[in-house]
C-alpha atoms as a PDB file:
ATOM      1  CA  MET A   1     146.783  39.879 113.092  1.00  0.00           C
ATOM      2  CA  LYS A   2     143.533  41.105 114.658  1.00  0.00           C
ATOM      3  CA  LYS A   3     145.328  41.470 117.976  1.00  0.00           C
ATOM      4  CA  LEU A   4     148.130  43.486 116.388  1.00  0.00           C
ATOM      5  CA  ILE A   5     145.691  45.765 114.573  1.00  0.00           C
ATOM      6  CA  ALA A   6     143.863  46.333 117.855  1.00  0.00           C
ATOM      7  CA  GLU A   7     147.144  47.209 119.601  1.00  0.00           C
ATOM      8  CA  PHE A   8     148.043  49.574 116.767  1.00  0.00           C
ATOM      9  CA  PHE A   9     144.795  51.524 116.990  1.00  0.00           C
ATOM     10  CA  GLY A  10     144.735  51.405 120.785  1.00  0.00           C
ATOM     11  CA  THR A  11     148.208  52.939 121.044  1.00  0.00           C
ATOM     12  CA  PHE A  12     147.299  55.401 118.288  1.00  0.00           C
ATOM     13  CA  TRP A  13     144.413  56.589 120.458  1.00  0.00           C
ATOM     14  CA  LEU A  14     146.526  56.749 123.618  1.00  0.00           C
ATOM     15  CA  VAL A  15     149.064  59.031 121.927  1.00  0.00           C
ATOM     16  CA  LEU A  16     146.536  61.124 120.036  1.00  0.00           C
ATOM     17  CA  GLY A  17     144.282  61.532 123.063  1.00  0.00           C
ATOM     18  CA  GLY A  18     146.850  61.842 125.824  1.00  0.00           C
ATOM     19  CA  CYS A  19     149.650  63.714 124.074  1.00  0.00           C
ATOM     20  CA  GLY A  20     147.098  65.587 121.990  1.00  0.00           C
ATOM     21  CA  SER A  21     145.555  67.018 125.146  1.00  0.00           C
ATOM     22  CA  ALA A  22     149.013  68.223 126.201  1.00  0.00           C
ATOM     23  CA  VAL A  23     149.957  69.738 122.838  1.00  0.00           C
ATOM     24  CA  LEU A  24     146.616  71.243 121.842  1.00  0.00           C
ATOM     25  CA  ALA A  25     144.712  71.957 125.039  1.00  0.00           C
ATOM     26  CA  ALA A  26     146.948  72.093 128.129  1.00  0.00           C
ATOM     27  CA  GLY A  27     148.117  75.685 127.711  1.00  0.00           C
ATOM     28  CA  PHE A  28     145.257  77.080 125.647  1.00  0.00           C
ATOM     29  CA  PRO A  29     144.652  80.701 126.724  1.00  0.00           C
ATOM     30  CA  ASP A  30     141.949  81.064 129.404  1.00  0.00           C
ATOM     31  CA  LEU A  31     140.525  77.589 128.731  1.00  0.00           C
ATOM     32  CA  GLY A  32     143.652  75.437 129.093  1.00  0.00           C
ATOM     33  CA  ILE A  33     143.123  72.122 130.858  1.00  0.00           C
ATOM     34  CA  GLY A  34     146.542  72.169 132.557  1.00  0.00           C
ATOM     35  CA  PHE A  35     148.436  69.117 133.713  1.00  0.00           C
ATOM     36  CA  VAL A  36     145.431  67.852 135.686  1.00  0.00           C
ATOM     37  CA  GLY A  37     143.406  67.737 132.492  1.00  0.00           C
ATOM     38  CA  VAL A  38     146.237  65.995 130.665  1.00  0.00           C
ATOM     39  CA  SER A  39     146.424  63.399 133.444  1.00  0.00           C
ATOM     40  CA  ILE A  40     142.712  62.716 133.121  1.00  0.00           C
ATOM     41  CA  ALA A  41     142.996  62.511 129.331  1.00  0.00           C
ATOM     42  CA  PHE A  42     145.662  59.811 129.507  1.00  0.00           C
ATOM     43  CA  GLY A  43     143.536  57.842 131.953  1.00  0.00           C
ATOM     44  CA  LEU A  44     140.518  58.166 129.683  1.00  0.00           C
ATOM     45  CA  THR A  45     142.390  56.844 126.649  1.00  0.00           C
ATOM     46  CA  VAL A  46     143.248  53.640 128.490  1.00  0.00           C
ATOM     47  CA  LEU A  47     139.822  53.366 130.116  1.00  0.00           C
ATOM     48  CA  THR A  48     138.039  53.625 126.776  1.00  0.00           C
ATOM     49  CA  MET A  49     140.384  51.232 124.987  1.00  0.00           C
ATOM     50  CA  VAL A  50     140.174  48.569 127.709  1.00  0.00           C
ATOM     51  CA  TYR A  51     136.494  48.178 126.911  1.00  0.00           C
ATOM     52  CA  ALA A  52     136.940  48.689 123.149  1.00  0.00           C
ATOM     53  CA  ILE A  53     139.781  46.249 122.458  1.00  0.00           C
ATOM     54  CA  GLY A  54     140.507  44.468 125.718  1.00  0.00           C
ATOM     55  CA  HIS A  55     138.579  41.428 124.529  1.00  0.00           C
ATOM     56  CA  ILE A  56     140.606  41.369 121.303  1.00  0.00           C
ATOM     57  CA  SER A  57     144.216  41.949 122.320  1.00  0.00           C
ATOM     58  CA  GLY A  58     144.203  42.489 126.065  1.00  0.00           C
ATOM     59  CA  CYS A  59     144.737  46.234 125.526  1.00  0.00           C
ATOM     60  CA  HIS A  60     148.431  46.518 126.399  1.00  0.00           C
ATOM     61  CA  LEU A  61     149.151  49.716 124.396  1.00  0.00           C
ATOM     62  CA  ASN A  62     152.617  49.769 125.912  1.00  0.00           C
ATOM     63  CA  PRO A  63     155.793  47.681 125.452  1.00  0.00           C
ATOM     64  CA  ALA A  64     156.432  47.812 129.194  1.00  0.00           C
ATOM     65  CA  VAL A  65     152.974  46.389 129.897  1.00  0.00           C
ATOM     66  CA  SER A  66     153.591  43.538 127.467  1.00  0.00           C
ATOM     67  CA  VAL A  67     156.944  42.799 129.113  1.00  0.00           C
ATOM     68  CA  GLY A  68     155.456  42.951 132.609  1.00  0.00           C
ATOM     69  CA  LEU A  69     152.611  40.624 131.698  1.00  0.00           C
ATOM     70  CA  TRP A  70     155.079  38.249 130.061  1.00  0.00           C
ATOM     71  CA  VAL A  71     157.312  38.178 133.129  1.00  0.00           C
ATOM     72  CA  GLY A  72     154.213  37.701 135.273  1.00  0.00           C
ATOM     73  CA  GLY A  73     153.206  34.647 133.270  1.00  0.00           C
ATOM     74  CA  ARG A  74     150.178  36.302 131.677  1.00  0.00           C
ATOM     75  CA  PHE A  75     151.434  36.724 128.100  1.00  0.00           C
ATOM     76  CA  ALA A  76     153.021  34.405 125.548  1.00  0.00           C
ATOM     77  CA  SER A  77     156.635  35.071 124.592  1.00  0.00           C
ATOM     78  CA  SER A  78     155.808  34.275 120.959  1.00  0.00           C
ATOM     79  CA  ASP A  79     153.647  37.429 120.765  1.00  0.00           C
ATOM     80  CA  LEU A  80     155.936  39.805 122.633  1.00  0.00           C
ATOM     81  CA  VAL A  81     157.986  41.288 119.785  1.00  0.00           C
ATOM     82  CA  SER A  82     155.040  41.643 117.402  1.00  0.00           C
ATOM     83  CA  TYR A  83     152.986  43.435 120.077  1.00  0.00           C
ATOM     84  CA  ILE A  84     155.833  45.884 120.741  1.00  0.00           C
ATOM     85  CA  VAL A  85     156.234  46.632 117.033  1.00  0.00           C
ATOM     86  CA  ALA A  86     152.484  47.241 116.641  1.00  0.00           C
ATOM     87  CA  GLN A  87     152.456  49.535 119.677  1.00  0.00           C
ATOM     88  CA  VAL A  88     155.411  51.617 118.497  1.00  0.00           C
ATOM     89  CA  LEU A  89     153.952  51.962 115.001  1.00  0.00           C
ATOM     90  CA  GLY A  90     150.556  52.923 116.414  1.00  0.00           C
ATOM     91  CA  GLY A  91     152.166  55.526 118.647  1.00  0.00           C
ATOM     92  CA  ILE A  92     154.115  57.019 115.742  1.00  0.00           C
ATOM     93  CA  ALA A  93     150.946  57.174 113.651  1.00  0.00           C
ATOM     94  CA  GLY A  94     149.141  58.962 116.483  1.00  0.00           C
ATOM     95  CA  ALA A  95     151.984  61.456 116.880  1.00  0.00           C
ATOM     96  CA  GLY A  96     152.037  61.988 113.117  1.00  0.00           C
ATOM     97  CA  VAL A  97     148.347  62.879 113.023  1.00  0.00           C
ATOM     98  CA  LEU A  98     148.821  65.120 116.044  1.00  0.00           C
ATOM     99  CA  TYR A  99     151.713  66.900 114.320  1.00  0.00           C
ATOM    100  CA  ILE A 100     149.615  67.525 111.197  1.00  0.00           C
ATOM    101  CA  ILE A 101     146.821  69.015 113.308  1.00  0.00           C
ATOM    102  CA  ALA A 102     149.102  71.096 115.536  1.00  0.00           C
ATOM    103  CA  SER A 103     151.153  72.460 112.639  1.00  0.00           C
ATOM    104  CA  GLY A 104     147.982  73.889 111.121  1.00  0.00           C
ATOM    105  CA  GLN A 105     148.099  76.743 113.605  1.00  0.00           C
ATOM    106  CA  ALA A 106     149.832  79.937 112.544  1.00  0.00           C
ATOM    107  CA  GLY A 107     153.261  80.304 114.121  1.00  0.00           C
ATOM    108  CA  PHE A 108     153.454  76.651 115.144  1.00  0.00           C
ATOM    109  CA  GLU A 109     156.682  75.426 116.707  1.00  0.00           C
ATOM    110  CA  ALA A 110     157.016  71.795 117.761  1.00  0.00           C
ATOM    111  CA  GLY A 111     159.075  72.539 120.856  1.00  0.00           C
ATOM    112  CA  GLY A 112     158.996  69.623 123.272  1.00  0.00           C
ATOM    113  CA  PHE A 113     155.829  68.260 121.614  1.00  0.00           C
ATOM    114  CA  ALA A 114     154.804  66.490 124.855  1.00  0.00           C
ATOM    115  CA  SER A 115     158.015  64.454 124.804  1.00  0.00           C
ATOM    116  CA  ASN A 116     159.656  63.026 127.903  1.00  0.00           C
ATOM    117  CA  GLY A 117     162.944  64.118 129.382  1.00  0.00           C
ATOM    118  CA  TYR A 118     165.176  64.918 132.315  1.00  0.00           C
ATOM    119  CA  GLY A 119     167.448  67.817 133.177  1.00  0.00           C
ATOM    120  CA  GLU A 120     166.662  70.695 130.843  1.00  0.00           C
ATOM    121  CA  ASN A 121     163.930  68.587 129.207  1.00  0.00           C
ATOM    122  CA  SER A 122     162.165  67.898 132.508  1.00  0.00           C
ATOM    123  CA  PRO A 123     159.186  70.200 133.154  1.00  0.00           C
ATOM    124  CA  GLY A 124     160.454  70.757 136.691  1.00  0.00           C
ATOM    125  CA  GLY A 125     164.171  70.512 135.951  1.00  0.00           C
ATOM    126  CA  TYR A 126     164.600  67.127 137.657  1.00  0.00           C
ATOM    127  CA  SER A 127     167.853  65.175 137.325  1.00  0.00           C
ATOM    128  CA  MET A 128     168.483  61.995 135.356  1.00  0.00           C
ATOM    129  CA  MET A 129     168.565  59.953 138.574  1.00  0.00           C
ATOM    130  CA  ALA A 130     165.246  61.412 139.713  1.00  0.00           C
ATOM    131  CA  ALA A 131     163.725  60.618 136.324  1.00  0.00           C
ATOM    132  CA  LEU A 132     165.106  57.076 136.362  1.00  0.00           C
ATOM    133  CA  VAL A 133     163.752  56.312 139.829  1.00  0.00           C
ATOM    134  CA  CYS A 134     160.413  57.960 139.052  1.00  0.00           C
ATOM    135  CA  GLU A 135     159.856  56.019 135.833  1.00  0.00           C
ATOM    136  CA  ILE A 136     160.859  52.681 137.391  1.00  0.00           C
ATOM    137  CA  VAL A 137     158.594  53.131 140.411  1.00  0.00           C
ATOM    138  CA  MET A 138     155.631  54.543 138.481  1.00  0.00           C
ATOM    139  CA  THR A 139     155.767  51.761 135.902  1.00  0.00           C
ATOM    140  CA  PHE A 140     156.118  49.195 138.674  1.00  0.00           C
ATOM    141  CA  MET A 141     152.943  50.484 140.305  1.00  0.00           C
ATOM    142  CA  PHE A 142     151.121  50.689 136.972  1.00  0.00           C
ATOM    143  CA  LEU A 143     151.854  47.035 136.266  1.00  0.00           C
ATOM    144  CA  PHE A 144     151.012  46.085 139.826  1.00  0.00           C
ATOM    145  CA  ILE A 145     147.576  47.655 139.314  1.00  0.00           C
ATOM    146  CA  ILE A 146     147.126  45.948 135.942  1.00  0.00           C
ATOM    147  CA  LEU A 147     148.159  42.524 137.225  1.00  0.00           C
ATOM    148  CA  GLY A 148     145.859  42.844 140.208  1.00  0.00           C
ATOM    149  CA  ALA A 149     142.857  44.270 138.385  1.00  0.00           C
ATOM    150  CA  THR A 150     143.006  41.595 135.661  1.00  0.00           C
ATOM    151  CA  HIS A 151     143.695  38.631 137.953  1.00  0.00           C
ATOM    152  CA  SER A 152     141.244  35.742 137.758  1.00  0.00           C
ATOM    153  CA  LYS A 153     140.285  36.344 141.408  1.00  0.00           C
ATOM    154  CA  ALA A 154     139.598  40.062 140.917  1.00  0.00           C
ATOM    155  CA  PRO A 155     136.039  41.402 140.508  1.00  0.00           C
ATOM    156  CA  LYS A 156     134.992  41.115 136.886  1.00  0.00           C
ATOM    157  CA  GLY A 157     134.285  44.080 134.654  1.00  0.00           C
ATOM    158  CA  PHE A 158     136.099  46.761 136.664  1.00  0.00           C
ATOM    159  CA  ALA A 159     139.675  46.387 135.435  1.00  0.00           C
ATOM    160  CA  GLY A 160     139.417  49.276 132.982  1.00  0.00           C
ATOM    161  CA  ILE A 161     138.334  51.673 135.714  1.00  0.00           C
ATOM    162  CA  ALA A 162     141.189  50.726 138.047  1.00  0.00           C
ATOM    163  CA  ILE A 163     143.778  50.859 135.263  1.00  0.00           C
ATOM    164  CA  GLY A 164     142.535  54.160 133.841  1.00  0.00           C
ATOM    165  CA  LEU A 165     142.434  55.828 137.253  1.00  0.00           C
ATOM    166  CA  GLY A 166     145.829  54.359 138.075  1.00  0.00           C
ATOM    167  CA  LEU A 167     147.346  55.941 134.978  1.00  0.00           C
ATOM    168  CA  THR A 168     145.672  59.247 135.822  1.00  0.00           C
ATOM    169  CA  LEU A 169     147.207  59.204 139.299  1.00  0.00           C
ATOM    170  CA  ILE A 170     150.634  58.326 137.898  1.00  0.00           C
ATOM    171  CA  HIS A 171     150.460  61.369 135.614  1.00  0.00           C
ATOM    172  CA  LEU A 172     149.367  63.628 138.460  1.00  0.00           C
ATOM    173  CA  ILE A 173     152.476  62.569 140.368  1.00  0.00           C
ATOM    174  CA  SER A 174     155.106  62.467 137.654  1.00  0.00           C
ATOM    175  CA  ILE A 175     154.309  65.017 134.923  1.00  0.00           C
ATOM    176  CA  PRO A 176     156.534  67.599 136.686  1.00  0.00           C
ATOM    177  CA  VAL A 177     159.428  65.113 136.776  1.00  0.00           C
ATOM    178  CA  THR A 178     159.538  63.525 133.304  1.00  0.00           C
ATOM    179  CA  ASN A 179     156.304  64.607 131.639  1.00  0.00           C
ATOM    180  CA  THR A 180     155.318  60.996 132.451  1.00  0.00           C
ATOM    181  CA  SER A 181     156.247  58.171 130.163  1.00  0.00           C
ATOM    182  CA  VAL A 182     155.781  54.711 131.747  1.00  0.00           C
ATOM    183  CA  ASN A 183     155.400  53.747 128.094  1.00  0.00           C
ATOM    184  CA  PRO A 184     158.297  53.436 125.613  1.00  0.00           C
ATOM    185  CA  ALA A 185     155.970  53.605 122.596  1.00  0.00           C
ATOM    186  CA  ARG A 186     154.498  56.901 123.757  1.00  0.00           C
ATOM    187  CA  SER A 187     157.975  58.311 124.393  1.00  0.00           C
ATOM    188  CA  THR A 188     159.347  57.183 121.041  1.00  0.00           C
ATOM    189  CA  SER A 189     156.454  58.600 119.054  1.00  0.00           C
ATOM    190  CA  GLN A 190     156.760  62.098 120.535  1.00  0.00           C
ATOM    191  CA  ALA A 191     160.571  62.212 120.469  1.00  0.00           C
ATOM    192  CA  LEU A 192     160.520  61.704 116.701  1.00  0.00           C
ATOM    193  CA  PHE A 193     158.608  64.965 116.197  1.00  0.00           C
ATOM    194  CA  ALA A 194     160.006  67.074 119.052  1.00  0.00           C
ATOM    195  CA  ASP A 195     162.655  69.750 118.778  1.00  0.00           C
ATOM    196  CA  GLY A 196     165.580  69.637 121.186  1.00  0.00           C
ATOM    197  CA  GLY A 197     167.192  66.691 122.935  1.00  0.00           C
ATOM    198  CA  ALA A 198     164.305  64.256 123.338  1.00  0.00           C
ATOM    199  CA  MET A 199     165.850  61.606 121.085  1.00  0.00           C
ATOM    200  CA  GLY A 200     169.120  61.706 123.012  1.00  0.00           C
ATOM    201  CA  GLN A 201     167.274  60.964 126.270  1.00  0.00           C
ATOM    202  CA  LEU A 202     164.901  58.355 124.855  1.00  0.00           C
ATOM    203  CA  TRP A 203     167.018  55.456 126.161  1.00  0.00           C
ATOM    204  CA  LEU A 204     165.873  56.176 129.729  1.00  0.00           C
ATOM    205  CA  PHE A 205     162.224  55.936 128.727  1.00  0.00           C
ATOM    206  CA  TRP A 206     162.781  52.446 127.366  1.00  0.00           C
ATOM    207  CA  VAL A 207     165.079  51.144 130.079  1.00  0.00           C
ATOM    208  CA  ALA A 208     163.275  52.455 133.173  1.00  0.00           C
ATOM    209  CA  PRO A 209     159.699  51.410 132.264  1.00  0.00           C
ATOM    210  CA  ILE A 210     160.808  47.933 131.225  1.00  0.00           C
ATOM    211  CA  ILE A 211     162.766  47.459 134.465  1.00  0.00           C
ATOM    212  CA  GLY A 212     159.798  48.643 136.530  1.00  0.00           C
ATOM    213  CA  ALA A 213     157.356  46.448 134.624  1.00  0.00           C
ATOM    214  CA  ALA A 214     159.546  43.329 134.864  1.00  0.00           C
ATOM    215  CA  LEU A 215     159.986  43.819 138.607  1.00  0.00           C
ATOM    216  CA  ALA A 216     156.226  44.167 139.046  1.00  0.00           C
ATOM    217  CA  GLY A 217     155.657  40.964 137.072  1.00  0.00           C
ATOM    218  CA  LEU A 218     158.051  39.079 139.326  1.00  0.00           C
ATOM    219  CA  VAL A 219     156.651  40.509 142.557  1.00  0.00           C
ATOM    220  CA  TYR A 220     152.982  40.035 141.735  1.00  0.00           C
ATOM    221  CA  LYS A 221     153.531  36.519 140.437  1.00  0.00           C
ATOM    222  CA  SER A 222     155.179  35.620 143.745  1.00  0.00           C
ATOM    223  CA  LEU A 223     152.312  37.157 145.730  1.00  0.00           C
ATOM    224  CA  LEU A 224     149.390  35.700 143.822  1.00  0.00           C
ATOM    225  CA  PRO A 225     150.070  33.350 140.899  1.00  0.00           C
ATOM    226  CA  GLU A 226     147.267  32.580 138.484  1.00  0.00           C
ATOM    227  CA  MET A 227     145.391  29.330 138.964  1.00  0.00           C
ATOM    228  CA  GLY A 228     147.530  26.415 137.818  1.00  0.00           C
ATOM    229  CA  GLU A 229     150.761  28.209 138.756  1.00  0.00           C
ATOM    230  CA  GLU A 230     150.387  27.985 142.541  1.00  0.00           C
END
């Protein structure tokens, strides 16, 4: 239960911090942080939570991460479903708090509410195929970084830095394409509060990240198994 509570609050912070920066600060007149600032904010949420709850739950914060670690032999199947439920609920709670804050501004309209999408819901108007490939590849690389940085042979104490910077880089690349998901819990939480077609496109932001994460688990496990698996 402590692990699930940690995952709940960790994902809550990821959504509130990352999506909150997009909804509240990205386009603020004169002082807006832009998509570069949003990318950094997402990286900072993971960086801070790795050191806050990593020793409790492993700091997955993401159903795709849990699946990738499971496929890679780093996570027990008995915990997989409960972790995913905690992450989705934490993300929804974070989006709910963000909605309450954002709606306190006069003339508020939810709009896209930092949701993910393709076609008309893509920031750059990218196609469904482009979004699918982007999310698979970006999640693959995210899991590849996580599996490498947390391996028993990796330098100790630096995993959070590598993972946080990795997520920042992923956002810098893919915000124009899909508004960057690589995380089904993050996508679900925002789609619930967004106007428009975010819910109708949510399937892609579950399927693509999980495929990318599972592939990364298989590839990294074949390259460098943990001790006892070689």
